[in-house]
C-alpha cells in the first residue's frame, strides 16, 4: 500500500506571492464568517458617500439652469410684454384663463355662495344625442 504524500494542501507563502494575492486570500477566507461587515457595510458606505458627493453636482446643475433662464435684458422684457414701459406687469395672454379683477375678489365671490342649498340639473344634450336614459 502506498504512503500518503507529505505535500501540503495549500502552497506556502513565498516571496513570489504578491501582497494583493495574500490580502485577497485572507479577505475571501474571512468573508464567509462575517459577510455583512466585509461586504454589506462597505457597500452601504459607498452609496451614502456617493449621495453626499453628487449633491453639490446636482445643485450646480440647477443653479446654472436658473442663471441661464433669468438672463433677460430690460429691452427683451419689454419686447416680450412681461412688463410695461412704466414697470407694471403686462397683460397675461393665456386664452384659457379668465381675467378676474383679483384673486381676493374671486375668493370672496366663491365664499358668498351657499354650498348647502344646491339643486342637481341634467346637462342639456344636442338634438339626436343619446342622454343615457333607458
C-alpha atoms as a PDB file:
ATOM      1  CA  UNK A   1       0.000   0.000   0.000  1.00  0.00           C
ATOM      2  CA  UNK A   2       1.446   3.406  -0.968  1.00  0.00           C
ATOM      3  CA  UNK A   3       2.051   6.096   1.567  1.00  0.00           C
ATOM      4  CA  UNK A   4       0.268   9.452   1.505  1.00  0.00           C
ATOM      5  CA  UNK A   5       2.420  12.170   0.115  1.00  0.00           C
ATOM      6  CA  UNK A   6       3.587  14.819   2.507  1.00  0.00           C
ATOM      7  CA  UNK A   7       2.777  17.733   0.180  1.00  0.00           C
ATOM      8  CA  UNK A   8       0.774  20.427   1.876  1.00  0.00           C
ATOM      9  CA  UNK A   9      -2.696  21.265   0.520  1.00  0.00           C
ATOM     10  CA  UNK A  10      -2.038  24.974   0.302  1.00  0.00           C
ATOM     11  CA  UNK A  11       1.101  26.325  -1.088  1.00  0.00           C
ATOM     12  CA  UNK A  12       3.332  28.152   1.295  1.00  0.00           C
ATOM     13  CA  UNK A  13       3.540  31.900   1.086  1.00  0.00           C
ATOM     14  CA  UNK A  14       6.660  32.691  -0.777  1.00  0.00           C
ATOM     15  CA  UNK A  15       8.348  35.853  -1.737  1.00  0.00           C
ATOM     16  CA  UNK A  16       6.880  35.464  -5.231  1.00  0.00           C
ATOM     17  CA  UNK A  17       3.279  35.753  -3.995  1.00  0.00           C
ATOM     18  CA  UNK A  18       2.286  39.401  -4.011  1.00  0.00           C
ATOM     19  CA  UNK A  19       0.695  41.338  -1.210  1.00  0.00           C
ATOM     20  CA  UNK A  20      -2.525  41.591  -3.232  1.00  0.00           C
ATOM     21  CA  UNK A  21      -2.802  37.824  -3.550  1.00  0.00           C
ATOM     22  CA  UNK A  22      -2.255  37.354   0.164  1.00  0.00           C
ATOM     23  CA  UNK A  23      -4.803  40.046   1.085  1.00  0.00           C
ATOM     24  CA  UNK A  24      -7.312  38.574  -1.384  1.00  0.00           C
ATOM     25  CA  UNK A  25      -6.950  35.125   0.098  1.00  0.00           C
ATOM     26  CA  UNK A  26      -7.321  36.486   3.621  1.00  0.00           C
ATOM     27  CA  UNK A  27     -10.433  38.515   2.592  1.00  0.00           C
ATOM     28  CA  UNK A  28     -12.097  35.512   0.936  1.00  0.00           C
ATOM     29  CA  UNK A  29     -11.400  33.329   3.951  1.00  0.00           C
ATOM     30  CA  UNK A  30     -12.991  35.800   6.377  1.00  0.00           C
ATOM     31  CA  UNK A  31     -15.857  36.835   4.079  1.00  0.00           C
ATOM     32  CA  UNK A  32     -17.772  33.634   4.741  1.00  0.00           C
ATOM     33  CA  UNK A  33     -17.612  34.250   8.510  1.00  0.00           C
ATOM     34  CA  UNK A  34     -18.541  37.981   8.502  1.00  0.00           C
ATOM     35  CA  UNK A  35     -20.363  38.788   5.253  1.00  0.00           C
ATOM     36  CA  UNK A  36     -22.126  41.989   6.396  1.00  0.00           C
ATOM     37  CA  UNK A  37     -19.062  43.609   7.927  1.00  0.00           C
ATOM     38  CA  UNK A  38     -16.783  42.804   4.991  1.00  0.00           C
ATOM     39  CA  UNK A  39     -19.258  43.265   2.114  1.00  0.00           C
ATOM     40  CA  UNK A  40     -22.526  44.923   3.211  1.00  0.00           C
ATOM     41  CA  UNK A  41     -21.117  47.726   5.332  1.00  0.00           C
ATOM     42  CA  UNK A  42     -18.615  48.945   2.693  1.00  0.00           C
ATOM     43  CA  UNK A  43     -21.371  48.798   0.057  1.00  0.00           C
ATOM     44  CA  UNK A  44     -23.789  50.900   2.129  1.00  0.00           C
ATOM     45  CA  UNK A  45     -20.977  53.320   2.987  1.00  0.00           C
ATOM     46  CA  UNK A  46     -20.170  53.726  -0.703  1.00  0.00           C
ATOM     47  CA  UNK A  47     -23.810  54.511  -1.530  1.00  0.00           C
ATOM     48  CA  UNK A  48     -24.087  57.117   1.259  1.00  0.00           C
ATOM     49  CA  UNK A  49     -20.760  58.733   0.355  1.00  0.00           C
ATOM     50  CA  UNK A  50     -21.803  58.844  -3.298  1.00  0.00           C
ATOM     51  CA  UNK A  51     -25.023  60.659  -2.452  1.00  0.00           C
ATOM     52  CA  UNK A  52     -23.081  63.288  -0.497  1.00  0.00           C
ATOM     53  CA  UNK A  53     -20.609  63.654  -3.359  1.00  0.00           C
ATOM     54  CA  UNK A  54     -23.333  64.053  -6.019  1.00  0.00           C
ATOM     55  CA  UNK A  55     -25.477  66.577  -4.109  1.00  0.00           C
ATOM     56  CA  UNK A  56     -23.264  69.604  -4.959  1.00  0.00           C
ATOM     57  CA  UNK A  57     -23.112  68.485  -8.592  1.00  0.00           C
ATOM     58  CA  UNK A  58     -26.913  68.392  -8.835  1.00  0.00           C
ATOM     59  CA  UNK A  59     -27.174  71.799  -7.117  1.00  0.00           C
ATOM     60  CA  UNK A  60     -24.667  73.258  -9.577  1.00  0.00           C
ATOM     61  CA  UNK A  61     -26.710  71.917 -12.477  1.00  0.00           C
ATOM     62  CA  UNK A  62     -29.893  73.622 -11.303  1.00  0.00           C
ATOM     63  CA  UNK A  63     -28.093  76.870 -10.459  1.00  0.00           C
ATOM     64  CA  UNK A  64     -26.630  77.050 -13.971  1.00  0.00           C
ATOM     65  CA  UNK A  65     -30.083  76.451 -15.459  1.00  0.00           C
ATOM     66  CA  UNK A  66     -31.610  79.194 -13.270  1.00  0.00           C
ATOM     67  CA  UNK A  67     -28.906  81.671 -14.284  1.00  0.00           C
ATOM     68  CA  UNK A  68     -29.466  80.900 -17.956  1.00  0.00           C
ATOM     69  CA  UNK A  69     -33.211  81.391 -17.662  1.00  0.00           C
ATOM     70  CA  UNK A  70     -33.011  84.652 -15.673  1.00  0.00           C
ATOM     71  CA  UNK A  71     -30.631  86.477 -18.017  1.00  0.00           C
ATOM     72  CA  UNK A  72     -33.005  88.832 -19.861  1.00  0.00           C
ATOM     73  CA  UNK A  73     -32.254  92.433 -20.582  1.00  0.00           C
ATOM     74  CA  UNK A  74     -34.800  95.162 -19.857  1.00  0.00           C
ATOM     75  CA  UNK A  75     -35.454  95.584 -23.586  1.00  0.00           C
ATOM     76  CA  UNK A  76     -36.197  91.865 -24.011  1.00  0.00           C
ATOM     77  CA  UNK A  77     -38.577  92.002 -21.055  1.00  0.00           C
ATOM     78  CA  UNK A  78     -40.381  94.945 -22.643  1.00  0.00           C
ATOM     79  CA  UNK A  79     -40.445  93.270 -26.078  1.00  0.00           C
ATOM     80  CA  UNK A  80     -41.935  90.085 -24.682  1.00  0.00           C
ATOM     81  CA  UNK A  81     -44.656  92.033 -22.912  1.00  0.00           C
ATOM     82  CA  UNK A  82     -43.715  90.806 -19.469  1.00  0.00           C
ATOM     83  CA  UNK A  83     -43.587  94.348 -18.082  1.00  0.00           C
ATOM     84  CA  UNK A  84     -44.876  97.605 -19.410  1.00  0.00           C
ATOM     85  CA  UNK A  85     -42.788 100.726 -20.026  1.00  0.00           C
ATOM     86  CA  UNK A  86     -43.611 102.076 -16.566  1.00  0.00           C
ATOM     87  CA  UNK A  87     -42.571  98.825 -14.836  1.00  0.00           C
ATOM     88  CA  UNK A  88     -46.045  97.363 -14.362  1.00  0.00           C
ATOM     89  CA  UNK A  89     -46.744  93.800 -15.331  1.00  0.00           C
ATOM     90  CA  UNK A  90     -48.159  93.350 -18.782  1.00  0.00           C
ATOM     91  CA  UNK A  91     -51.375  91.518 -19.616  1.00  0.00           C
ATOM     92  CA  UNK A  92     -51.085  87.788 -19.322  1.00  0.00           C
ATOM     93  CA  UNK A  93     -52.048  86.320 -22.668  1.00  0.00           C
ATOM     94  CA  UNK A  94     -53.414  82.946 -21.627  1.00  0.00           C
ATOM     95  CA  UNK A  95     -56.687  82.365 -23.514  1.00  0.00           C
ATOM     96  CA  UNK A  96     -57.763  79.540 -21.206  1.00  0.00           C
ATOM     97  CA  UNK A  97     -57.682  81.684 -18.101  1.00  0.00           C
ATOM     98  CA  UNK A  98     -60.491  84.127 -17.377  1.00  0.00           C
ATOM     99  CA  UNK A  99     -59.257  87.542 -16.447  1.00  0.00           C
ATOM    100  CA  UNK A 100     -60.530  88.257 -12.962  1.00  0.00           C
ATOM    101  CA  UNK A 101     -60.203  91.536 -11.078  1.00  0.00           C
ATOM    102  CA  UNK A 102     -58.106  89.967  -8.391  1.00  0.00           C
ATOM    103  CA  UNK A 103     -57.696  86.703  -6.564  1.00  0.00           C
ATOM    104  CA  UNK A 104     -59.182  88.220  -3.434  1.00  0.00           C
ATOM    105  CA  UNK A 105     -62.394  89.212  -5.234  1.00  0.00           C
ATOM    106  CA  UNK A 106     -62.715  85.695  -6.656  1.00  0.00           C
ATOM    107  CA  UNK A 107     -62.186  84.210  -3.198  1.00  0.00           C
ATOM    108  CA  UNK A 108     -64.943  86.312  -1.670  1.00  0.00           C
ATOM    109  CA  UNK A 109     -67.271  85.597  -4.614  1.00  0.00           C
ATOM    110  CA  UNK A 110     -66.863  81.849  -4.047  1.00  0.00           C
ATOM    111  CA  UNK A 111     -67.264  82.196  -0.292  1.00  0.00           C
ATOM    112  CA  UNK A 112     -70.566  84.053  -0.765  1.00  0.00           C
ATOM    113  CA  UNK A 113     -72.150  81.045  -2.493  1.00  0.00           C
ATOM    114  CA  UNK A 114     -74.387  78.891  -0.347  1.00  0.00           C
ATOM    115  CA  UNK A 115     -72.931  75.412  -0.843  1.00  0.00           C
ATOM    116  CA  UNK A 116     -75.541  73.670   1.345  1.00  0.00           C
ATOM    117  CA  UNK A 117     -78.503  74.633  -0.875  1.00  0.00           C
ATOM    118  CA  UNK A 118     -77.998  73.284  -4.362  1.00  0.00           C
ATOM    119  CA  UNK A 119     -80.025  71.528  -6.989  1.00  0.00           C
ATOM    120  CA  UNK A 120     -78.858  68.821  -9.364  1.00  0.00           C
ATOM    121  CA  UNK A 121     -79.503  69.648 -13.025  1.00  0.00           C
ATOM    122  CA  UNK A 122     -79.032  67.461 -16.073  1.00  0.00           C
ATOM    123  CA  UNK A 123     -76.758  68.700 -18.823  1.00  0.00           C
ATOM    124  CA  UNK A 124     -78.594  69.810 -21.959  1.00  0.00           C
ATOM    125  CA  UNK A 125     -77.971  67.401 -24.840  1.00  0.00           C
ATOM    126  CA  UNK A 126     -77.796  68.179 -28.537  1.00  0.00           C
ATOM    127  CA  UNK A 127     -80.613  67.086 -30.806  1.00  0.00           C
ATOM    128  CA  UNK A 128     -80.352  63.341 -31.510  1.00  0.00           C
ATOM    129  CA  UNK A 129     -77.620  62.755 -28.929  1.00  0.00           C
ATOM    130  CA  UNK A 130     -78.378  59.901 -26.502  1.00  0.00           C
ATOM    131  CA  UNK A 131     -78.821  61.142 -22.944  1.00  0.00           C
ATOM    132  CA  UNK A 132     -78.177  57.847 -21.161  1.00  0.00           C
ATOM    133  CA  UNK A 133     -81.772  57.233 -20.115  1.00  0.00           C
ATOM    134  CA  UNK A 134     -83.369  53.874 -20.887  1.00  0.00           C
END
